[in-house]
PDB file of all heavy atoms in Angstrom:
ATOM      1  N   PHE A   1      -1.304  -6.379  -6.974  1.00  0.00           N
ATOM      2  CA  PHE A   1      -0.359  -6.907  -7.966  1.00  0.00           C
ATOM      3  C   PHE A   1      -0.539  -6.135  -9.262  1.00  0.00           C
ATOM      4  O   PHE A   1      -1.671  -5.789  -9.639  1.00  0.00           O
ATOM      5  CB  PHE A   1      -0.626  -8.393  -8.250  1.00  0.00           C
ATOM      6  CG  PHE A   1      -0.226  -9.290  -7.078  1.00  0.00           C
ATOM      7  CD1 PHE A   1      -1.155  -9.629  -6.122  1.00  0.00           C
ATOM      8  CD2 PHE A   1       1.059  -9.773  -6.988  1.00  0.00           C
ATOM      9  CE1 PHE A   1      -0.807 -10.440  -5.055  1.00  0.00           C
ATOM     10  CE2 PHE A   1       1.417 -10.601  -5.952  1.00  0.00           C
ATOM     11  CZ  PHE A   1       0.486 -10.944  -4.982  1.00  0.00           C
ATOM     12  N   ASP A   2       0.552  -5.864  -9.992  1.00  0.00           N
ATOM     13  CA  ASP A   2       0.531  -5.274 -11.326  1.00  0.00           C
ATOM     14  C   ASP A   2       1.133  -6.295 -12.295  1.00  0.00           C
ATOM     15  O   ASP A   2       2.334  -6.540 -12.262  1.00  0.00           O
ATOM     16  CB  ASP A   2       1.348  -3.981 -11.378  1.00  0.00           C
ATOM     17  CG  ASP A   2       0.678  -2.844 -10.648  1.00  0.00           C
ATOM     18  OD1 ASP A   2      -0.538  -2.873 -10.505  1.00  0.00           O
ATOM     19  OD2 ASP A   2       1.409  -1.936 -10.193  1.00  0.00           O
ATOM     20  N   ASN A   3       0.303  -6.874 -13.150  1.00  0.00           N
ATOM     21  CA  ASN A   3       0.755  -7.863 -14.134  1.00  0.00           C
ATOM     22  C   ASN A   3       1.519  -9.021 -13.463  1.00  0.00           C
ATOM     23  O   ASN A   3       2.559  -9.451 -13.942  1.00  0.00           O
ATOM     24  CB  ASN A   3       1.612  -7.239 -15.219  1.00  0.00           C
ATOM     25  CG  ASN A   3       0.853  -6.222 -16.006  1.00  0.00           C
ATOM     26  OD1 ASN A   3      -0.370  -6.375 -16.240  1.00  0.00           O
ATOM     27  ND2 ASN A   3       1.531  -5.161 -16.426  1.00  0.00           N
ATOM     28  N   GLY A   4       1.011  -9.481 -12.332  1.00  0.00           N
ATOM     29  CA  GLY A   4       1.611 -10.597 -11.632  1.00  0.00           C
ATOM     30  C   GLY A   4       2.778 -10.246 -10.722  1.00  0.00           C
ATOM     31  O   GLY A   4       3.331 -11.086 -10.037  1.00  0.00           O
ATOM     32  N   VAL A   5       3.168  -8.955 -10.678  1.00  0.00           N
ATOM     33  CA  VAL A   5       4.257  -8.509  -9.831  1.00  0.00           C
ATOM     34  C   VAL A   5       3.642  -7.681  -8.700  1.00  0.00           C
ATOM     35  O   VAL A   5       2.873  -6.768  -8.935  1.00  0.00           O
ATOM     36  CB  VAL A   5       5.269  -7.638 -10.613  1.00  0.00           C
ATOM     37  CG1 VAL A   5       6.345  -7.105  -9.728  1.00  0.00           C
ATOM     38  CG2 VAL A   5       5.850  -8.405 -11.791  1.00  0.00           C
ATOM     39  N   ALA A   6       4.037  -7.996  -7.472  1.00  0.00           N
ATOM     40  CA  ALA A   6       3.465  -7.310  -6.315  1.00  0.00           C
ATOM     41  C   ALA A   6       3.962  -5.849  -6.255  1.00  0.00           C
ATOM     42  O   ALA A   6       5.071  -5.553  -6.661  1.00  0.00           O
ATOM     43  CB  ALA A   6       3.893  -8.030  -5.043  1.00  0.00           C
ATOM     44  N   ARG A   7       3.072  -4.994  -5.777  1.00  0.00           N
ATOM     45  CA  ARG A   7       3.441  -3.589  -5.615  1.00  0.00           C
ATOM     46  C   ARG A   7       4.425  -3.416  -4.441  1.00  0.00           C
ATOM     47  O   ARG A   7       5.195  -2.464  -4.448  1.00  0.00           O
ATOM     48  CB  ARG A   7       2.196  -2.726  -5.341  1.00  0.00           C
ATOM     49  CG  ARG A   7       1.240  -2.579  -6.491  1.00  0.00           C
ATOM     50  CD  ARG A   7       1.619  -1.531  -7.510  1.00  0.00           C
ATOM     51  NE  ARG A   7       2.305  -0.359  -6.998  1.00  0.00           N
ATOM     52  CZ  ARG A   7       1.732   0.780  -6.647  1.00  0.00           C
ATOM     53  NH1 ARG A   7       0.450   0.919  -6.718  1.00  0.00           N
ATOM     54  NH2 ARG A   7       2.455   1.779  -6.194  1.00  0.00           N
ATOM     55  N   VAL A   8       4.332  -4.290  -3.451  1.00  0.00           N
ATOM     56  CA  VAL A   8       5.238  -4.224  -2.300  1.00  0.00           C
ATOM     57  C   VAL A   8       6.504  -5.014  -2.669  1.00  0.00           C
ATOM     58  O   VAL A   8       6.456  -6.204  -2.872  1.00  0.00           O
ATOM     59  CB  VAL A   8       4.591  -4.834  -1.041  1.00  0.00           C
ATOM     60  CG1 VAL A   8       5.589  -4.858   0.114  1.00  0.00           C
ATOM     61  CG2 VAL A   8       3.333  -4.109  -0.645  1.00  0.00           C
ATOM     62  N   HIS A   9       7.626  -4.303  -2.746  1.00  0.00           N
ATOM     63  CA  HIS A   9       8.895  -4.969  -3.026  1.00  0.00           C
ATOM     64  C   HIS A   9       9.639  -5.279  -1.740  1.00  0.00           C
ATOM     65  O   HIS A   9      10.229  -6.337  -1.597  1.00  0.00           O
ATOM     66  CB  HIS A   9       9.773  -4.103  -3.945  1.00  0.00           C
ATOM     67  CG  HIS A   9       9.151  -3.921  -5.310  1.00  0.00           C
ATOM     68  ND1 HIS A   9       9.128  -4.901  -6.252  1.00  0.00           N
ATOM     69  CD2 HIS A   9       8.495  -2.845  -5.849  1.00  0.00           C
ATOM     70  CE1 HIS A   9       8.525  -4.451  -7.328  1.00  0.00           C
ATOM     71  NE2 HIS A   9       8.140  -3.210  -7.100  1.00  0.00           N
ATOM     72  N   ASP A  10       9.640  -4.335  -0.804  1.00  0.00           N
ATOM     73  CA  ASP A  10      10.327  -4.557   0.459  1.00  0.00           C
ATOM     74  C   ASP A  10       9.805  -3.548   1.478  1.00  0.00           C
ATOM     75  O   ASP A  10       9.219  -2.524   1.119  1.00  0.00           O
ATOM     76  CB  ASP A  10      11.841  -4.410   0.278  1.00  0.00           C
ATOM     77  CG  ASP A  10      12.640  -5.143   1.336  1.00  0.00           C
ATOM     78  OD1 ASP A  10      12.017  -5.817   2.176  1.00  0.00           O
ATOM     79  OD2 ASP A  10      13.884  -5.074   1.267  1.00  0.00           O
ATOM     80  N   VAL A  11      10.044  -3.862   2.750  1.00  0.00           N
ATOM     81  CA  VAL A  11       9.719  -2.961   3.854  1.00  0.00           C
ATOM     82  C   VAL A  11      10.900  -2.954   4.812  1.00  0.00           C
ATOM     83  O   VAL A  11      11.688  -3.897   4.868  1.00  0.00           O
ATOM     84  CB  VAL A  11       8.431  -3.397   4.607  1.00  0.00           C
ATOM     85  CG1 VAL A  11       7.242  -3.284   3.729  1.00  0.00           C
ATOM     86  CG2 VAL A  11       8.594  -4.776   5.177  1.00  0.00           C
ATOM     87  N   LYS A  12      11.028  -1.854   5.546  1.00  0.00           N
ATOM     88  CA  LYS A  12      12.070  -1.746   6.560  1.00  0.00           C
ATOM     89  C   LYS A  12      11.488  -1.061   7.766  1.00  0.00           C
ATOM     90  O   LYS A  12      10.988   0.075   7.686  1.00  0.00           O
ATOM     91  CB  LYS A  12      13.272  -0.978   6.028  1.00  0.00           C
ATOM     92  CG  LYS A  12      14.398  -0.887   7.033  1.00  0.00           C
ATOM     93  CD  LYS A  12      15.541  -0.080   6.530  1.00  0.00           C
ATOM     94  CE  LYS A  12      16.597   0.017   7.615  1.00  0.00           C
ATOM     95  NZ  LYS A  12      17.608   0.999   7.294  1.00  0.00           N
ATOM     96  N   ARG A  13      11.536  -1.725   8.898  1.00  0.00           N
ATOM     97  CA  ARG A  13      11.040  -1.152  10.170  1.00  0.00           C
ATOM     98  C   ARG A  13      12.070  -0.173  10.683  1.00  0.00           C
ATOM     99  O   ARG A  13      13.269  -0.471  10.738  1.00  0.00           O
ATOM    100  CB  ARG A  13      10.826  -2.291  11.185  1.00  0.00           C
ATOM    101  CG  ARG A  13      10.244  -1.869  12.473  1.00  0.00           C
ATOM    102  CD  ARG A  13       8.751  -1.670  12.352  1.00  0.00           C
ATOM    103  NE  ARG A  13       8.092  -1.755  13.638  1.00  0.00           N
ATOM    104  CZ  ARG A  13       7.530  -0.736  14.250  1.00  0.00           C
ATOM    105  NH1 ARG A  13       7.527   0.457  13.683  1.00  0.00           N
ATOM    106  NH2 ARG A  13       6.980  -0.867  15.404  1.00  0.00           N
ATOM    107  N   ILE A  14      11.647   1.009  11.061  1.00  0.00           N
ATOM    108  CA  ILE A  14      12.546   2.054  11.577  1.00  0.00           C
ATOM    109  C   ILE A  14      12.469   2.102  13.098  1.00  0.00           C
ATOM    110  O   ILE A  14      13.410   1.814  13.805  1.00  0.00           O
ATOM    111  CB  ILE A  14      12.262   3.405  10.975  1.00  0.00           C
ATOM    112  CG1 ILE A  14      12.439   3.373   9.464  1.00  0.00           C
ATOM    113  CG2 ILE A  14      13.128   4.471  11.586  1.00  0.00           C
ATOM    114  CD1 ILE A  14      12.018   4.625   8.759  1.00  0.00           C
ATOM    115  N   SER A  15      11.309   2.481  13.595  1.00  0.00           N
ATOM    116  CA  SER A  15      11.090   2.611  15.038  1.00  0.00           C
ATOM    117  C   SER A  15      10.666   1.261  15.585  1.00  0.00           C
ATOM    118  O   SER A  15       9.774   0.633  15.052  1.00  0.00           O
ATOM    119  CB  SER A  15      10.039   3.674  15.309  1.00  0.00           C
ATOM    120  OG  SER A  15       9.963   3.950  16.665  1.00  0.00           O
ATOM    121  N   LYS A  16      11.313   0.817  16.656  1.00  0.00           N
ATOM    122  CA  LYS A  16      11.024  -0.483  17.241  1.00  0.00           C
ATOM    123  C   LYS A  16      10.617  -0.290  18.707  1.00  0.00           C
ATOM    124  O   LYS A  16      10.833   0.788  19.247  1.00  0.00           O
ATOM    125  CB  LYS A  16      12.274  -1.370  17.174  1.00  0.00           C
ATOM    126  CG  LYS A  16      12.804  -1.548  15.792  1.00  0.00           C
ATOM    127  CD  LYS A  16      14.116  -2.286  15.837  1.00  0.00           C
ATOM    128  CE  LYS A  16      14.715  -2.319  14.413  1.00  0.00           C
ATOM    129  NZ  LYS A  16      16.028  -2.874  14.375  1.00  0.00           N
ATOM    130  N   PRO A  17      10.069  -1.296  19.340  1.00  0.00           N
ATOM    131  CA  PRO A  17       9.749  -1.161  20.763  1.00  0.00           C
ATOM    132  C   PRO A  17      10.980  -0.873  21.607  1.00  0.00           C
ATOM    133  O   PRO A  17      10.898  -0.202  22.614  1.00  0.00           O
ATOM    134  CB  PRO A  17       9.131  -2.506  21.127  1.00  0.00           C
ATOM    135  CG  PRO A  17       8.585  -3.041  19.861  1.00  0.00           C
ATOM    136  CD  PRO A  17       9.510  -2.545  18.800  1.00  0.00           C
ATOM    137  N   SER A  18      12.151  -1.386  21.179  1.00  0.00           N
ATOM    138  CA  SER A  18      13.375  -1.159  21.963  1.00  0.00           C
ATOM    139  C   SER A  18      14.028   0.201  21.685  1.00  0.00           C
ATOM    140  O   SER A  18      14.807   0.678  22.496  1.00  0.00           O
ATOM    141  CB  SER A  18      14.389  -2.260  21.658  1.00  0.00           C
ATOM    142  OG  SER A  18      14.728  -2.242  20.284  1.00  0.00           O
ATOM    143  N   LYS A  19      13.699   0.808  20.531  1.00  0.00           N
ATOM    144  CA  LYS A  19      14.270   2.103  20.197  1.00  0.00           C
ATOM    145  C   LYS A  19      13.293   2.892  19.327  1.00  0.00           C
ATOM    146  O   LYS A  19      13.101   2.566  18.163  1.00  0.00           O
ATOM    147  CB  LYS A  19      15.593   1.911  19.429  1.00  0.00           C
ATOM    148  CG  LYS A  19      16.261   3.233  19.126  1.00  0.00           C
ATOM    149  CD  LYS A  19      17.557   3.061  18.368  1.00  0.00           C
ATOM    150  CE  LYS A  19      18.169   4.417  18.101  1.00  0.00           C
ATOM    151  NZ  LYS A  19      19.275   4.357  17.175  1.00  0.00           N
ATOM    152  N   ARG A  20      12.748   3.903  19.893  1.00  0.00           N
ATOM    153  CA  ARG A  20      11.808   4.766  19.166  1.00  0.00           C
ATOM    154  C   ARG A  20      12.600   5.821  18.397  1.00  0.00           C
ATOM    155  O   ARG A  20      13.565   6.387  18.900  1.00  0.00           O
ATOM    156  CB  ARG A  20      10.826   5.461  20.107  1.00  0.00           C
ATOM    157  CG  ARG A  20      10.026   4.497  20.971  1.00  0.00           C
ATOM    158  CD  ARG A  20       9.073   3.713  20.123  1.00  0.00           C
ATOM    159  NE  ARG A  20       8.267   2.835  20.967  1.00  0.00           N
ATOM    160  CZ  ARG A  20       7.371   2.033  20.527  1.00  0.00           C
ATOM    161  NH1 ARG A  20       7.112   1.946  19.218  1.00  0.00           N
ATOM    162  NH2 ARG A  20       6.712   1.240  21.322  1.00  0.00           N
ATOM    163  N   VAL A  21      12.168   6.082  17.151  1.00  0.00           N
ATOM    164  CA  VAL A  21      12.851   7.048  16.286  1.00  0.00           C
ATOM    165  C   VAL A  21      11.805   8.094  15.864  1.00  0.00           C
ATOM    166  O   VAL A  21      10.744   7.737  15.343  1.00  0.00           O
ATOM    167  CB  VAL A  21      13.439   6.376  15.029  1.00  0.00           C
ATOM    168  CG1 VAL A  21      14.087   7.424  14.126  1.00  0.00           C
ATOM    169  CG2 VAL A  21      14.438   5.303  15.447  1.00  0.00           C
ATOM    170  N   TYR A  22      12.119   9.366  16.134  1.00  0.00           N
ATOM    171  CA  TYR A  22      11.214  10.469  15.812  1.00  0.00           C
ATOM    172  C   TYR A  22      11.830  11.359  14.756  1.00  0.00           C
ATOM    173  O   TYR A  22      13.024  11.647  14.801  1.00  0.00           O
ATOM    174  CB  TYR A  22      10.866  11.258  17.070  1.00  0.00           C
ATOM    175  CG  TYR A  22      10.139  10.438  18.088  1.00  0.00           C
ATOM    176  CD1 TYR A  22      10.821   9.758  19.099  1.00  0.00           C
ATOM    177  CD2 TYR A  22       8.765  10.300  18.035  1.00  0.00           C
ATOM    178  CE1 TYR A  22      10.162   8.986  20.027  1.00  0.00           C
ATOM    179  CE2 TYR A  22       8.075   9.548  18.959  1.00  0.00           C
ATOM    180  CZ  TYR A  22       8.800   8.893  19.937  1.00  0.00           C
ATOM    181  OH  TYR A  22       8.104   8.104  20.857  1.00  0.00           O
ATOM    182  N   TYR A  23      11.010  11.810  13.794  1.00  0.00           N
ATOM    183  CA  TYR A  23      11.460  12.725  12.776  1.00  0.00           C
ATOM    184  C   TYR A  23      10.720  14.056  12.874  1.00  0.00           C
ATOM    185  O   TYR A  23       9.494  14.061  13.073  1.00  0.00           O
ATOM    186  CB  TYR A  23      11.145  12.145  11.352  1.00  0.00           C
ATOM    187  CG  TYR A  23      12.088  11.049  10.895  1.00  0.00           C
ATOM    188  CD1 TYR A  23      13.075  10.529  11.676  1.00  0.00           C
ATOM    189  CD2 TYR A  23      11.943  10.536   9.615  1.00  0.00           C
ATOM    190  CE1 TYR A  23      13.907   9.514  11.220  1.00  0.00           C
ATOM    191  CE2 TYR A  23      12.767   9.534   9.126  1.00  0.00           C
ATOM    192  CZ  TYR A  23      13.753   9.023   9.955  1.00  0.00           C
ATOM    193  OH  TYR A  23      14.569   8.036   9.498  1.00  0.00           O
ATOM    194  N   SER A  24      11.443  15.132  12.720  1.00  0.00           N
ATOM    195  CA  SER A  24      10.798  16.436  12.570  1.00  0.00           C
ATOM    196  C   SER A  24      10.451  16.623  11.117  1.00  0.00           C
ATOM    197  O   SER A  24      10.818  15.801  10.258  1.00  0.00           O
ATOM    198  CB  SER A  24      11.727  17.543  13.099  1.00  0.00           C
ATOM    199  OG  SER A  24      12.814  17.698  12.213  1.00  0.00           O
TER     200      SER A  24
END
């Protein structure tokens, strides 16, 4: 936390068990 505000604002899952996503 920074001054009571969390450093993590949001997350988004890209690769899932049903669909793997690969980046070069």
